[in-house]
Amino acid sequence: MLERYFIRPNTVDRIRCSWLGDAIETYVAWLAGQSSRCVSRRVPLLMRFGEFAGKRGATQVEELHSHLDAFVRSRLRRRASPCLSKVAQQRFLRDARKPIEQFLRIVTGYRTCESVAARPFEGWAPGFFDHLREERGLSPTTVAAYAGHLARFEQYVVARRLTADALSPALLDGFIAERRVHVSARSLGPICAALRALLRYLFREGTVRQDLSVIVDGPRTYRLSEIPRAISTPDVERMLAAVDRRSIVGRRDYAMLMLLVVYGLRAREVAALTLDDFDWRANVLHVRGRKAGHAGAYPLAPEAGEAVLDYLRNGRPETTDRRIFFRIQAPRAAITYAVVSSRAKVYLRKAGITVSRPGSHTLRHSCAQRLVDAEYSLKVIGDFLGHRHAMSTRIYSKVAIEALREVALGDGEAIL
């Protein structure tokens, strides 16, 4: 298997003579079934990791996970040019860690730090996430979001070496104030909701003596205080033109962007599309399991249908999975909603389009803006976008320029 990716026999011999040789060959065989593009980059990294761990006394593959953190830090110190920001540093550390964690998971079944951190406060509240799913009935997406917020709170608590009895209003205020530096007031609301859920559970289980959830107040926000972050039709066309459709990733991304632009779908809805959702004979697109809990059916626009067909014929991997869109690199798994949003952000920036919080929702707002400009009623727009309540669509009344102009110039001015 190694001969397929390394031309020089000396290179193959050096890999096989390494004490990680058998494990690397196992990983390469697995990786070949997923994507062969990254083999030539990952094997040298694993060789360096094996040499590093061997010098520290590792003799078994099962011992490697204890040397991972030290190896990643050493890579950062030896970097030719220093990282210019903390974000760049974190990205570099993640890129160095991810392939090795995948290698350990394949050859040893090692549970990575991400999977361990998926259930924070396991020691304090072992049944908390089961409580969220079974008793409160929260969706898997919401539970995962709670886990992410609470993982940061756990890091905050662990850094101060505190126990559950030491939780206090001052500690909670300090954590919320720290998070407020990094997120907006609206984004702070879900963080406070996750904290309240955990604190209520700790009090119910008798882990803490006082119900501290009552003192965690979310930030004050105002309905309709912002306007939709839409972009103009020429900007949408410029973004689509920035996609290089000669590559597989370009064909996939173009198909996703067309679905976002034409139908105003959410990133989660695009990621969940399957082969069964496209009725090619009737030219109908089915969108199932929407946020509001219902399904929708749309006429299949020729531009969107052709983009999806181009990807299905010339890019989608051969798999038994019915999902439409897949990762390009290993593991060949279906993409997540985060990938859809991040790819939209990439092409908005590539096209030089400036917008606050760029992402897939920018294109959703742009779709709604086109419907507003075409003078569709808010009820029709809400149904098209899959809104559950009319209140969700009311925000678009702020960008109905022609209607607002009529109010200002007509009887509405006399009333004022």
Protein backbone atom coordinates (compact mmCIF):
# COMPACT_ATOMS: atom_id res chain seq x y z
CA MET A 1 0.00 0.00 0.00
CA LEU A 2 2.84 2.42 0.78
CA GLU A 3 4.27 1.97 -2.71
CA ARG A 4 1.19 3.63 -4.16
CA TYR A 5 2.05 6.93 -2.49
CA PHE A 6 5.85 6.95 -2.13
CA ILE A 7 8.00 6.44 -5.23
CA ARG A 8 11.41 6.00 -3.64
CA PRO A 9 12.04 2.51 -2.19
CA ASN A 10 14.25 4.04 0.53
CA THR A 11 11.30 6.07 1.80
CA VAL A 12 9.09 2.98 1.98
CA ASP A 13 11.82 1.01 3.77
CA ARG A 14 12.36 3.79 6.29
CA ILE A 15 8.65 3.89 7.12
CA ARG A 16 8.42 0.11 7.54
CA CYS A 17 11.56 -0.02 9.67
CA SER A 18 10.11 2.51 12.07
CA TRP A 19 8.66 1.11 15.28
CA LEU A 20 5.35 2.60 14.10
CA GLY A 21 5.65 0.98 10.66
CA ASP A 22 2.84 -1.58 11.06
CA ALA A 23 0.50 0.97 12.64
CA ILE A 24 1.20 3.50 9.88
CA GLU A 25 0.51 0.90 7.18
CA THR A 26 -2.79 0.07 8.87
CA TYR A 27 -3.70 3.73 8.94
CA VAL A 28 -2.68 4.28 5.30
CA ALA A 29 -4.82 1.33 4.21
CA TRP A 30 -7.80 2.86 6.01
CA LEU A 31 -7.01 6.32 4.68
CA ALA A 32 -6.81 5.03 1.11
CA GLY A 33 -10.45 3.99 1.32
CA GLN A 34 -11.38 7.50 2.41
CA SER A 35 -9.14 9.90 0.50
CA SER A 36 -5.63 9.50 -0.85
CA ARG A 37 -4.89 13.21 -1.10
CA CYS A 38 -3.56 13.63 2.43
CA VAL A 39 -1.46 10.43 2.74
CA SER A 40 1.78 12.09 1.61
CA ARG A 41 1.32 14.86 4.20
CA ARG A 42 0.23 12.79 7.16
CA VAL A 43 2.74 9.95 7.04
CA PRO A 44 5.79 12.25 7.53
CA LEU A 45 3.97 13.89 10.46
CA LEU A 46 3.36 10.47 12.03
CA MET A 47 6.99 9.51 11.51
CA ARG A 48 8.14 12.62 13.36
CA PHE A 49 5.62 11.93 16.11
CA GLY A 50 6.92 8.36 16.44
CA GLU A 51 10.52 9.56 16.71
CA PHE A 52 9.53 12.16 19.30
CA ALA A 53 7.58 9.65 21.42
CA GLY A 54 10.36 7.04 21.07
CA LYS A 55 12.93 9.46 22.47
CA ARG A 56 10.62 10.02 25.44
CA GLY A 57 10.51 6.27 26.15
CA ALA A 58 7.41 5.11 24.27
CA THR A 59 7.63 1.53 23.02
CA GLN A 60 3.96 0.64 22.45
CA VAL A 61 1.38 2.29 20.23
CA GLU A 62 -1.01 2.42 23.20
CA GLU A 63 1.40 4.78 24.99
CA LEU A 64 1.39 7.40 22.25
CA HIS A 65 -1.59 9.42 23.45
CA SER A 66 0.34 10.53 26.56
CA HIS A 67 2.96 12.19 24.33
CA LEU A 68 0.57 13.99 22.00
CA ASP A 69 0.33 17.30 23.89
CA ALA A 70 4.11 17.59 24.27
CA PHE A 71 4.64 16.86 20.57
CA VAL A 72 2.13 19.48 19.46
CA ARG A 73 3.74 22.10 21.72
CA SER A 74 7.17 21.23 20.34
CA ARG A 75 5.86 21.72 16.81
CA LEU A 76 4.67 25.17 17.75
CA ARG A 77 8.05 26.11 19.25
CA ARG A 78 9.94 24.89 16.18
CA ARG A 79 7.70 26.71 13.72
CA ALA A 80 9.79 28.75 11.31
CA SER A 81 7.62 31.88 11.56
CA PRO A 82 5.73 32.67 14.79
CA CYS A 83 1.93 32.80 14.81
CA LEU A 84 0.79 36.41 14.66
CA SER A 85 -2.34 35.92 16.77
CA LYS A 86 -3.92 33.53 19.22
CA VAL A 87 -6.41 32.47 16.55
CA ALA A 88 -3.57 31.53 14.18
CA GLN A 89 -1.82 29.69 17.00
CA GLN A 90 -4.93 27.69 17.84
CA ARG A 91 -5.41 26.85 14.16
CA PHE A 92 -1.83 25.61 13.89
CA LEU A 93 -2.18 23.47 17.01
CA ARG A 94 -5.44 22.01 15.76
CA ASP A 95 -3.98 21.16 12.35
CA ALA A 96 -1.06 19.38 14.02
CA ARG A 97 -3.25 17.48 16.50
CA LYS A 98 -6.17 16.34 14.34
CA PRO A 99 -4.33 13.87 12.04
CA ILE A 100 -2.57 12.23 14.98
CA GLU A 101 -5.80 11.88 16.95
CA GLN A 102 -7.39 10.25 13.90
CA PHE A 103 -4.40 7.90 13.58
CA LEU A 104 -4.68 6.88 17.24
CA ARG A 105 -8.42 6.37 16.92
CA ILE A 106 -7.99 4.06 13.92
CA VAL A 107 -5.11 1.94 15.22
CA THR A 108 -5.87 1.88 18.96
CA GLY A 109 -9.45 3.06 19.40
CA TYR A 110 -8.13 5.95 21.50
CA ARG A 111 -10.87 8.31 22.61
CA THR A 112 -9.81 11.82 21.64
CA CYS A 113 -10.00 14.91 23.78
CA GLU A 114 -13.04 16.12 21.81
CA SER A 115 -15.06 13.02 22.64
CA VAL A 116 -14.04 13.25 26.28
CA ALA A 117 -15.00 16.92 26.39
CA ALA A 118 -18.37 16.14 24.79
CA ARG A 119 -19.80 15.53 28.29
CA PRO A 120 -18.38 18.20 30.60
CA PHE A 121 -18.92 17.99 34.37
CA GLU A 122 -19.18 14.21 34.14
CA GLY A 123 -17.91 13.95 37.71
CA TRP A 124 -20.32 16.49 39.19
CA ALA A 125 -23.42 15.63 37.15
CA PRO A 126 -23.07 12.22 35.45
CA GLY A 127 -26.70 12.07 34.34
CA PHE A 128 -27.06 15.68 33.22
CA PHE A 129 -27.03 15.14 29.46
CA ASP A 130 -29.39 12.17 29.72
CA HIS A 131 -31.66 14.50 31.71
CA LEU A 132 -31.55 17.07 28.89
CA ARG A 133 -32.45 14.50 26.23
CA GLU A 134 -34.95 12.29 28.06
CA GLU A 135 -36.63 14.54 30.62
CA ARG A 136 -36.47 17.93 28.94
CA GLY A 137 -36.70 16.54 25.42
CA LEU A 138 -34.02 18.77 23.93
CA SER A 139 -32.83 18.00 20.41
CA PRO A 140 -29.36 16.51 19.84
CA THR A 141 -28.27 19.81 18.31
CA THR A 142 -29.27 21.78 21.40
CA VAL A 143 -27.62 19.24 23.71
CA ALA A 144 -24.40 19.50 21.69
CA ALA A 145 -24.55 23.30 21.93
CA TYR A 146 -25.02 23.08 25.72
CA ALA A 147 -22.02 20.75 25.91
CA GLY A 148 -19.86 23.24 24.03
CA HIS A 149 -20.82 26.13 26.31
CA LEU A 150 -20.38 24.08 29.48
CA ALA A 151 -17.00 22.75 28.31
CA ARG A 152 -15.71 26.34 28.46
CA PHE A 153 -17.24 26.80 31.90
CA GLU A 154 -15.60 23.56 33.03
CA GLN A 155 -12.22 24.84 31.84
CA TYR A 156 -12.86 28.06 33.75
CA VAL A 157 -13.63 26.12 36.94
CA VAL A 158 -10.79 23.61 36.57
CA ALA A 159 -8.26 26.41 36.05
CA ARG A 160 -9.22 27.69 39.51
CA ARG A 161 -9.20 24.20 41.06
CA LEU A 162 -12.68 24.60 42.51
CA THR A 163 -15.19 22.03 43.71
CA ALA A 164 -18.96 22.11 43.29
CA ASP A 165 -19.35 23.56 46.79
CA ALA A 166 -17.22 26.54 45.76
CA LEU A 167 -19.63 27.70 43.04
CA SER A 168 -20.71 31.24 43.83
CA PRO A 169 -22.40 34.26 42.21
CA ALA A 170 -19.01 35.96 41.89
CA LEU A 171 -17.60 32.98 39.99
CA LEU A 172 -20.56 32.92 37.61
CA ASP A 173 -20.34 36.67 37.05
CA GLY A 174 -16.65 36.35 36.27
CA PHE A 175 -17.23 33.62 33.69
CA ILE A 176 -20.09 35.48 31.99
CA ALA A 177 -18.04 38.69 31.90
CA GLU A 178 -15.16 36.81 30.31
CA ARG A 179 -17.39 35.28 27.63
CA ARG A 180 -19.00 38.67 26.91
CA VAL A 181 -15.63 39.87 25.63
CA HIS A 182 -15.69 37.23 22.89
CA VAL A 183 -19.38 37.02 21.92
CA SER A 184 -22.26 39.40 21.31
CA ALA A 185 -25.07 39.99 23.78
CA ARG A 186 -27.43 37.86 21.70
CA SER A 187 -24.93 34.98 21.59
CA LEU A 188 -24.52 35.19 25.35
CA GLY A 189 -28.13 34.13 25.86
CA PRO A 190 -27.60 30.42 25.00
CA ILE A 191 -24.54 30.35 27.29
CA CYS A 192 -26.64 31.60 30.20
CA ALA A 193 -29.37 29.07 29.36
CA ALA A 194 -26.84 26.21 29.51
CA LEU A 195 -25.52 27.47 32.85
CA ARG A 196 -29.03 27.70 34.32
CA ALA A 197 -29.84 24.15 33.20
CA LEU A 198 -26.68 22.77 34.83
CA LEU A 199 -27.14 24.72 38.06
CA ARG A 200 -30.76 23.62 38.40
CA TYR A 201 -29.74 20.01 37.90
CA LEU A 202 -26.93 20.24 40.47
CA PHE A 203 -29.37 21.67 43.01
CA ARG A 204 -32.00 19.03 42.25
CA GLU A 205 -29.47 16.24 42.72
CA GLY A 206 -28.21 17.73 45.99
CA THR A 207 -24.70 18.38 44.66
CA VAL A 208 -24.95 22.05 45.68
CA ARG A 209 -26.90 23.56 48.57
CA GLN A 210 -28.24 26.62 46.78
CA ASP A 211 -30.07 27.01 43.49
CA LEU A 212 -27.74 29.44 41.75
CA SER A 213 -29.69 29.31 38.49
CA VAL A 214 -31.95 32.12 39.68
CA ILE A 215 -29.08 34.61 39.65
CA VAL A 216 -27.97 33.88 36.07
CA ASP A 217 -29.76 36.51 34.00
CA GLY A 218 -29.39 36.56 30.27
CA PRO A 219 -28.44 39.81 28.51
CA ARG A 220 -31.17 42.22 27.62
CA THR A 221 -31.87 42.17 23.89
CA TYR A 222 -34.59 43.81 21.87
CA ARG A 223 -36.74 42.22 19.22
CA LEU A 224 -36.16 43.57 15.70
CA SER A 225 -33.23 45.66 16.93
CA GLU A 226 -31.15 44.68 13.90
CA ILE A 227 -31.76 44.44 10.18
CA PRO A 228 -31.19 41.31 8.06
CA ARG A 229 -27.61 41.02 6.80
CA ALA A 230 -28.53 40.57 3.14
CA ILE A 231 -26.32 41.30 0.14
CA SER A 232 -27.41 42.60 -3.24
CA THR A 233 -28.08 40.45 -6.29
CA PRO A 234 -24.87 41.62 -8.06
CA ASP A 235 -22.91 40.64 -4.93
CA VAL A 236 -24.55 37.20 -4.95
CA GLU A 237 -23.56 36.73 -8.59
CA ARG A 238 -20.01 37.89 -7.82
CA MET A 239 -19.77 35.35 -4.99
CA LEU A 240 -20.99 32.51 -7.22
CA ALA A 241 -18.48 33.54 -9.90
CA ALA A 242 -15.68 33.20 -7.32
CA VAL A 243 -16.23 29.41 -7.14
CA ASP A 244 -13.79 27.34 -9.20
CA ARG A 245 -16.10 24.64 -10.56
CA ARG A 246 -13.27 22.74 -12.25
CA SER A 247 -12.44 20.98 -8.95
CA ILE A 248 -14.54 18.54 -6.94
CA VAL A 249 -14.69 20.85 -3.95
CA GLY A 250 -15.76 23.70 -6.23
CA ARG A 251 -18.60 21.66 -7.75
CA ARG A 252 -19.77 20.63 -4.30
CA ASP A 253 -19.60 24.14 -2.89
CA TYR A 254 -21.34 25.65 -5.92
CA ALA A 255 -24.24 23.22 -5.52
CA MET A 256 -24.55 24.08 -1.82
CA LEU A 257 -24.42 27.81 -2.51
CA MET A 258 -27.11 27.55 -5.19
CA LEU A 259 -29.44 25.82 -2.74
CA LEU A 260 -28.77 28.54 -0.19
CA VAL A 261 -29.28 31.35 -2.69
CA VAL A 262 -32.33 30.03 -4.55
CA TYR A 263 -34.33 28.54 -1.68
CA GLY A 264 -32.97 30.38 1.36
CA LEU A 265 -32.35 27.09 3.14
CA ARG A 266 -30.61 26.90 6.48
CA ALA A 267 -27.14 25.35 6.59
CA ARG A 268 -28.55 22.45 8.62
CA GLU A 269 -31.18 21.76 5.97
CA VAL A 270 -28.61 21.71 3.16
CA ALA A 271 -26.34 19.33 5.09
CA ALA A 272 -29.28 16.97 5.77
CA LEU A 273 -30.40 16.64 2.14
CA THR A 274 -30.44 13.09 0.77
CA LEU A 275 -30.80 11.53 -2.67
CA ASP A 276 -34.43 10.79 -1.83
CA ASP A 277 -35.20 14.51 -1.42
CA PHE A 278 -34.75 15.17 -5.15
CA ASP A 279 -37.64 14.03 -7.31
CA TRP A 280 -36.05 14.44 -10.74
CA ARG A 281 -39.11 13.19 -12.66
CA ALA A 282 -41.47 15.69 -11.05
CA ASN A 283 -38.78 18.42 -10.69
CA VAL A 284 -39.48 18.80 -6.98
CA LEU A 285 -37.12 19.38 -4.07
CA HIS A 286 -38.29 18.10 -0.68
CA VAL A 287 -36.90 19.70 2.48
CA ARG A 288 -37.69 17.48 5.45
CA GLY A 289 -37.19 17.96 9.16
CA ARG A 290 -37.06 21.74 9.17
CA LYS A 291 -36.42 23.79 12.26
CA ALA A 292 -40.14 24.32 12.80
CA GLY A 293 -40.71 20.54 12.68
CA HIS A 294 -42.44 20.42 9.30
CA ALA A 295 -41.45 19.65 5.72
CA GLY A 296 -41.54 21.71 2.54
CA ALA A 297 -41.65 21.04 -1.20
CA TYR A 298 -40.31 23.41 -3.85
CA PRO A 299 -40.18 23.42 -7.66
CA LEU A 300 -36.66 22.37 -8.62
CA ALA A 301 -35.02 25.41 -10.20
CA PRO A 302 -32.97 24.49 -13.30
CA GLU A 303 -29.84 26.30 -12.05
CA ALA A 304 -29.89 24.55 -8.68
CA GLY A 305 -30.76 21.17 -10.19
CA GLU A 306 -27.95 21.35 -12.75
CA ALA A 307 -25.43 22.31 -10.05
CA VAL A 308 -26.45 19.35 -7.87
CA LEU A 309 -26.37 16.95 -10.85
CA ASP A 310 -22.90 18.17 -11.81
CA TYR A 311 -21.64 17.34 -8.32
CA LEU A 312 -23.42 13.97 -8.21
CA ARG A 313 -21.92 12.91 -11.53
CA ASN A 314 -18.44 14.40 -11.16
CA GLY A 315 -17.61 14.69 -7.50
CA ARG A 316 -19.71 12.77 -5.01
CA PRO A 317 -17.85 9.69 -3.69
CA GLU A 318 -19.24 6.20 -4.18
CA THR A 319 -20.95 5.34 -0.92
CA THR A 320 -24.05 3.64 0.43
CA ASP A 321 -24.88 6.74 2.47
CA ARG A 322 -27.88 8.54 0.98
CA ARG A 323 -26.71 12.00 2.00
CA ILE A 324 -25.86 14.36 -0.86
CA PHE A 325 -22.80 16.30 0.25
CA PHE A 326 -19.58 14.74 1.56
CA ARG A 327 -16.18 15.79 2.79
CA ILE A 328 -13.42 15.83 0.19
CA GLN A 329 -10.66 14.65 2.53
CA ALA A 330 -10.69 11.70 4.89
CA PRO A 331 -12.76 10.59 6.60
CA ARG A 332 -15.26 10.52 3.74
CA ALA A 333 -18.21 11.39 5.94
CA ALA A 334 -21.25 13.53 5.20
CA ILE A 335 -20.63 17.20 5.86
CA THR A 336 -22.07 19.03 8.85
CA TYR A 337 -23.96 22.31 8.91
CA ALA A 338 -20.79 24.04 10.13
CA VAL A 339 -19.07 23.13 6.85
CA VAL A 340 -21.92 24.63 4.81
CA SER A 341 -21.76 27.89 6.73
CA SER A 342 -17.98 28.10 6.67
CA ARG A 343 -17.81 27.50 2.90
CA ALA A 344 -20.32 30.30 2.32
CA LYS A 345 -18.13 32.54 4.48
CA VAL A 346 -15.04 31.56 2.44
CA TYR A 347 -16.59 32.61 -0.88
CA LEU A 348 -18.09 35.81 0.49
CA ARG A 349 -14.63 36.86 1.60
CA LYS A 350 -13.03 35.61 -1.61
CA ALA A 351 -15.40 37.82 -3.59
CA GLY A 352 -14.46 40.80 -1.41
CA ILE A 353 -17.99 41.23 -0.04
CA THR A 354 -18.12 42.97 3.33
CA VAL A 355 -20.98 41.93 5.58
CA SER A 356 -21.37 41.50 9.31
CA ARG A 357 -21.18 37.85 10.44
CA PRO A 358 -20.76 36.36 6.94
CA GLY A 359 -22.05 32.83 6.47
CA SER A 360 -24.91 30.76 5.11
CA HIS A 361 -27.53 32.94 6.83
CA THR A 362 -26.31 35.89 4.77
CA LEU A 363 -27.58 34.10 1.67
CA ARG A 364 -30.82 33.16 3.43
CA HIS A 365 -31.43 36.83 4.20
CA SER A 366 -30.55 37.72 0.60
CA CYS A 367 -33.17 35.27 -0.66
CA ALA A 368 -35.76 36.86 1.63
CA GLN A 369 -34.72 40.33 0.45
CA ARG A 370 -35.40 39.35 -3.16
CA LEU A 371 -38.89 38.18 -2.18
CA VAL A 372 -39.50 41.46 -0.33
CA ASP A 373 -38.36 43.46 -3.36
CA ALA A 374 -40.73 41.38 -5.52
CA GLU A 375 -43.55 42.57 -3.21
CA TYR A 376 -44.56 39.18 -1.85
CA SER A 377 -46.49 39.31 1.41
CA LEU A 378 -44.71 38.53 4.67
CA LYS A 379 -46.95 35.46 5.06
CA VAL A 380 -45.74 34.04 1.72
CA ILE A 381 -42.12 34.86 2.57
CA GLY A 382 -42.46 33.17 5.97
CA ASP A 383 -43.94 30.03 4.41
CA PHE A 384 -41.19 29.94 1.77
CA LEU A 385 -38.44 30.26 4.41
CA GLY A 386 -40.07 27.68 6.69
CA HIS A 387 -40.86 30.01 9.60
CA ARG A 388 -43.10 28.66 12.33
CA HIS A 389 -44.40 32.03 13.54
CA ALA A 390 -45.17 35.26 11.73
CA MET A 391 -42.99 37.06 14.29
CA SER A 392 -39.93 35.43 12.71
CA THR A 393 -40.73 37.08 9.37
CA ARG A 394 -41.57 40.52 10.78
CA ILE A 395 -37.90 41.55 10.71
CA TYR A 396 -38.09 41.76 6.90
CA SER A 397 -40.65 44.56 7.15
CA LYS A 398 -37.69 46.79 8.05
CA VAL A 399 -36.17 46.30 4.60
CA ALA A 400 -39.40 46.65 2.58
CA ILE A 401 -38.20 50.00 1.26
CA GLU A 402 -41.01 50.62 -1.24
CA ALA A 403 -43.73 49.82 1.30
CA LEU A 404 -42.08 52.02 3.92
CA ARG A 405 -41.80 54.84 1.40
CA GLU A 406 -45.52 54.62 0.69
CA VAL A 407 -46.27 54.83 4.40
CA ALA A 408 -44.06 57.87 4.76
CA LEU A 409 -45.54 59.67 1.73
CA GLY A 410 -49.14 58.59 2.14
CA ASP A 411 -51.75 58.59 4.89
CA GLY A 412 -49.25 57.33 7.41
CA GLU A 413 -47.53 60.73 7.42
CA ALA A 414 -50.80 62.49 8.26
CA ILE A 415 -51.40 60.09 11.15
CA LEU A 416 -47.99 60.92 12.58
